[in-house]
C-alpha atoms as a PDB file:
ATOM      1  CA  MET A   1      39.664  71.687  34.705  1.00  0.00           C
ATOM      2  CA  LEU A   2      39.507  75.314  33.688  1.00  0.00           C
ATOM      3  CA  ASP A   3      38.119  77.989  36.047  1.00  0.00           C
ATOM      4  CA  ALA A   4      36.143  80.058  33.539  1.00  0.00           C
ATOM      5  CA  ALA A   5      35.061  82.649  36.137  1.00  0.00           C
ATOM      6  CA  LEU A   6      38.445  84.310  36.510  1.00  0.00           C
ATOM      7  CA  SER A   7      38.993  87.850  35.283  1.00  0.00           C
ATOM      8  CA  SER A   8      42.407  86.684  34.058  1.00  0.00           C
ATOM      9  CA  TYR A   9      40.559  84.243  31.762  1.00  0.00           C
ATOM     10  CA  GLY A  10      38.384  87.079  30.406  1.00  0.00           C
ATOM     11  CA  ALA A  11      35.279  86.738  32.607  1.00  0.00           C
ATOM     12  CA  GLN A  12      33.551  89.977  33.622  1.00  0.00           C
ATOM     13  CA  VAL A  13      30.963  90.988  36.183  1.00  0.00           C
ATOM     14  CA  VAL A  14      28.567  92.890  33.927  1.00  0.00           C
ATOM     15  CA  LEU A  15      25.897  93.683  36.525  1.00  0.00           C
ATOM     16  CA  ALA A  16      25.647  93.882  40.297  1.00  0.00           C
ATOM     17  CA  THR A  17      22.657  95.275  42.175  1.00  0.00           C
ATOM     18  CA  SER A  18      24.814  96.987  44.765  1.00  0.00           C
ATOM     19  CA  SER A  19      28.344  98.245  45.014  1.00  0.00           C
ATOM     20  CA  ASP A  20      30.674  99.473  47.711  1.00  0.00           C
ATOM     21  CA  GLU A  21      33.798 101.276  46.488  1.00  0.00           C
ATOM     22  CA  ASN A  22      35.935  99.313  48.981  1.00  0.00           C
ATOM     23  CA  HIS A  23      34.422  95.958  47.967  1.00  0.00           C
ATOM     24  CA  PRO A  24      33.513  96.107  44.249  1.00  0.00           C
ATOM     25  CA  PRO A  25      31.829  93.277  42.318  1.00  0.00           C
ATOM     26  CA  GLU A  26      35.047  92.569  40.382  1.00  0.00           C
ATOM     27  CA  ASN A  27      36.437  91.023  43.579  1.00  0.00           C
ATOM     28  CA  ILE A  28      34.158  88.023  42.978  1.00  0.00           C
ATOM     29  CA  ILE A  29      36.242  86.895  39.998  1.00  0.00           C
ATOM     30  CA  ASP A  30      39.793  87.794  41.077  1.00  0.00           C
ATOM     31  CA  GLY A  31      40.451  84.240  42.348  1.00  0.00           C
ATOM     32  CA  LYS A  32      41.040  85.299  45.975  1.00  0.00           C
ATOM     33  CA  THR A  33      38.916  84.620  49.050  1.00  0.00           C
ATOM     34  CA  GLU A  34      40.505  87.562  50.906  1.00  0.00           C
ATOM     35  CA  THR A  35      38.729  90.106  48.690  1.00  0.00           C
ATOM     36  CA  PHE A  36      34.947  90.243  48.305  1.00  0.00           C
ATOM     37  CA  TRP A  37      31.828  91.997  47.061  1.00  0.00           C
ATOM     38  CA  ILE A  38      29.358  93.042  49.734  1.00  0.00           C
ATOM     39  CA  SER A  39      25.680  93.792  49.312  1.00  0.00           C
ATOM     40  CA  THR A  40      24.213  97.017  50.627  1.00  0.00           C
ATOM     41  CA  GLY A  41      21.178  95.413  52.239  1.00  0.00           C
ATOM     42  CA  MET A  42      17.727  94.260  51.063  1.00  0.00           C
ATOM     43  CA  PHE A  43      16.924  91.186  48.991  1.00  0.00           C
ATOM     44  CA  PRO A  44      17.036  89.970  46.335  1.00  0.00           C
ATOM     45  CA  GLN A  45      20.568  90.884  45.287  1.00  0.00           C
ATOM     46  CA  GLU A  46      22.115  89.734  42.029  1.00  0.00           C
ATOM     47  CA  PHE A  47      25.219  89.730  39.935  1.00  0.00           C
ATOM     48  CA  ILE A  48      25.909  88.466  36.423  1.00  0.00           C
ATOM     49  CA  ILE A  49      29.176  86.991  35.168  1.00  0.00           C
ATOM     50  CA  ARG A  50      29.829  87.022  31.418  1.00  0.00           C
ATOM     51  CA  PHE A  51      32.261  84.570  29.815  1.00  0.00           C
ATOM     52  CA  PRO A  52      34.454  85.380  26.813  1.00  0.00           C
ATOM     53  CA  ASP A  53      33.077  82.333  24.923  1.00  0.00           C
ATOM     54  CA  ASN A  54      30.149  79.927  25.063  1.00  0.00           C
ATOM     55  CA  MET A  55      30.881  77.530  27.910  1.00  0.00           C
ATOM     56  CA  LYS A  56      29.903  74.052  29.020  1.00  0.00           C
ATOM     57  CA  ILE A  57      29.753  74.282  32.802  1.00  0.00           C
ATOM     58  CA  PHE A  58      29.795  71.363  35.220  1.00  0.00           C
ATOM     59  CA  THR A  59      30.168  72.868  38.690  1.00  0.00           C
ATOM     60  CA  VAL A  60      29.899  76.295  40.300  1.00  0.00           C
ATOM     61  CA  SER A  61      31.780  76.827  43.562  1.00  0.00           C
ATOM     62  CA  ILE A  62      30.958  79.825  45.702  1.00  0.00           C
ATOM     63  CA  HIS A  63      32.662  81.130  48.830  1.00  0.00           C
ATOM     64  CA  SER A  64      30.356  83.511  50.667  1.00  0.00           C
ATOM     65  CA  TYR A  65      29.124  84.765  53.986  1.00  0.00           C
ATOM     66  CA  ASN A  66      25.509  85.002  55.246  1.00  0.00           C
ATOM     67  CA  ILE A  67      23.785  83.763  52.055  1.00  0.00           C
ATOM     68  CA  LYS A  68      20.696  81.715  52.872  1.00  0.00           C
ATOM     69  CA  ARG A  69      19.056  81.008  49.500  1.00  0.00           C
ATOM     70  CA  LEU A  70      20.683  81.268  46.076  1.00  0.00           C
ATOM     71  CA  ARG A  71      19.385  80.674  42.558  1.00  0.00           C
ATOM     72  CA  ILE A  72      21.732  80.329  39.582  1.00  0.00           C
ATOM     73  CA  GLU A  73      20.464  80.960  36.070  1.00  0.00           C
ATOM     74  CA  LYS A  74      22.186  80.530  32.715  1.00  0.00           C
ATOM     75  CA  GLY A  75      22.008  82.901  29.783  1.00  0.00           C
ATOM     76  CA  THR A  76      22.693  81.833  26.220  1.00  0.00           C
ATOM     77  CA  SER A  77      22.463  85.147  24.354  1.00  0.00           C
ATOM     78  CA  ASP A  78      25.062  87.871  24.024  1.00  0.00           C
ATOM     79  CA  ASP A  79      22.529  90.410  25.329  1.00  0.00           C
ATOM     80  CA  ALA A  80      22.052  88.700  28.718  1.00  0.00           C
ATOM     81  CA  ASP A  81      18.334  89.329  28.527  1.00  0.00           C
ATOM     82  CA  LYS A  82      16.919  85.791  28.872  1.00  0.00           C
ATOM     83  CA  PHE A  83      17.827  83.397  31.641  1.00  0.00           C
ATOM     84  CA  GLU A  84      16.857  79.872  32.639  1.00  0.00           C
ATOM     85  CA  ALA A  85      17.164  78.526  36.195  1.00  0.00           C
ATOM     86  CA  VAL A  86      19.750  75.762  36.589  1.00  0.00           C
ATOM     87  CA  ALA A  87      20.063  75.539  40.400  1.00  0.00           C
ATOM     88  CA  ASP A  88      18.219  76.686  43.501  1.00  0.00           C
ATOM     89  CA  THR A  89      19.875  75.918  46.798  1.00  0.00           C
ATOM     90  CA  GLU A  90      19.884  76.854  50.461  1.00  0.00           C
ATOM     91  CA  PHE A  91      23.190  77.342  52.273  1.00  0.00           C
ATOM     92  CA  GLU A  92      23.897  76.404  55.862  1.00  0.00           C
ATOM     93  CA  HIS A  93      24.664  79.249  58.225  1.00  0.00           C
ATOM     94  CA  THR A  94      28.273  79.352  59.360  1.00  0.00           C
ATOM     95  CA  GLU A  95      29.674  81.262  62.295  1.00  0.00           C
ATOM     96  CA  ASN A  96      33.038  82.983  61.827  1.00  0.00           C
ATOM     97  CA  SER A  97      33.923  81.141  58.617  1.00  0.00           C
ATOM     98  CA  LEU A  98      33.101  81.326  54.926  1.00  0.00           C
ATOM     99  CA  GLN A  99      30.354  79.233  53.425  1.00  0.00           C
ATOM    100  CA  ALA A 100      31.940  76.988  50.775  1.00  0.00           C
ATOM    101  CA  ASN A 101      29.453  75.340  48.427  1.00  0.00           C
ATOM    102  CA  ASP A 102      29.859  73.325  45.238  1.00  0.00           C
ATOM    103  CA  ILE A 103      26.757  73.304  43.057  1.00  0.00           C
ATOM    104  CA  SER A 104      26.359  70.866  40.164  1.00  0.00           C
ATOM    105  CA  VAL A 105      24.808  72.562  37.144  1.00  0.00           C
ATOM    106  CA  ASN A 106      25.975  70.631  34.043  1.00  0.00           C
ATOM    107  CA  VAL A 107      24.837  73.118  31.381  1.00  0.00           C
ATOM    108  CA  SER A 108      26.106  73.886  27.902  1.00  0.00           C
ATOM    109  CA  ASN A 109      26.063  76.826  25.492  1.00  0.00           C
ATOM    110  CA  THR A 110      26.267  79.330  28.349  1.00  0.00           C
ATOM    111  CA  THR A 111      27.435  82.909  27.849  1.00  0.00           C
ATOM    112  CA  HIS A 112      26.343  84.317  31.240  1.00  0.00           C
ATOM    113  CA  LEU A 113      25.523  83.116  34.741  1.00  0.00           C
ATOM    114  CA  ARG A 114      23.150  85.149  36.885  1.00  0.00           C
ATOM    115  CA  PHE A 115      23.358  84.669  40.652  1.00  0.00           C
ATOM    116  CA  LEU A 116      20.204  85.696  42.534  1.00  0.00           C
ATOM    117  CA  ILE A 117      20.654  85.943  46.285  1.00  0.00           C
ATOM    118  CA  LEU A 118      17.062  85.535  47.411  1.00  0.00           C
ATOM    119  CA  SER A 119      17.631  85.722  51.170  1.00  0.00           C
ATOM    120  CA  GLY A 120      20.358  85.946  53.764  1.00  0.00           C
ATOM    121  CA  TYR A 121      21.035  85.197  57.399  1.00  0.00           C
ATOM    122  CA  ASP A 122      21.661  88.923  57.937  1.00  0.00           C
ATOM    123  CA  HIS A 123      20.878  92.171  56.100  1.00  0.00           C
ATOM    124  CA  PHE A 124      24.259  92.048  54.368  1.00  0.00           C
ATOM    125  CA  VAL A 125      25.934  89.209  52.490  1.00  0.00           C
ATOM    126  CA  SER A 126      29.349  88.922  50.885  1.00  0.00           C
ATOM    127  CA  VAL A 127      30.608  86.874  47.968  1.00  0.00           C
ATOM    128  CA  HIS A 128      34.335  86.216  48.158  1.00  0.00           C
ATOM    129  CA  LYS A 129      34.955  83.938  45.208  1.00  0.00           C
ATOM    130  CA  VAL A 130      33.050  82.231  42.415  1.00  0.00           C
ATOM    131  CA  SER A 131      34.708  79.413  40.483  1.00  0.00           C
ATOM    132  CA  VAL A 132      33.185  77.849  37.390  1.00  0.00           C
ATOM    133  CA  GLN A 133      34.495  74.463  36.296  1.00  0.00           C
ATOM    134  CA  SER A 134      34.145  73.948  32.579  1.00  0.00           C
END
């Protein structure tokens, strides 16, 4: 299956609510777990990934640290102004290792995915890698 959330495929992070120059949002889609985006505190936090084409998406995999509750929403317009919730999940807390979660979404005609981090196990969270199976 194709990982549609790779920058090498043409995916882009078009919005992130916080940014650290050492850990920019683009790290989410570089395909590596060694690099990451880190929030700058407070919740909710969000980021939006735009795909180069309309996508049918089956599964979203996310490698993260300290995320407690996450909502994923799909967007079907080029403007990324309307979203519809497709998943709402709570992650288990992990000590000294990344959280690795596969979330079934099974949606079609998707141009954007918005990730809303609603709460965390600490003030700061990090997202190391997002994979989208289409």
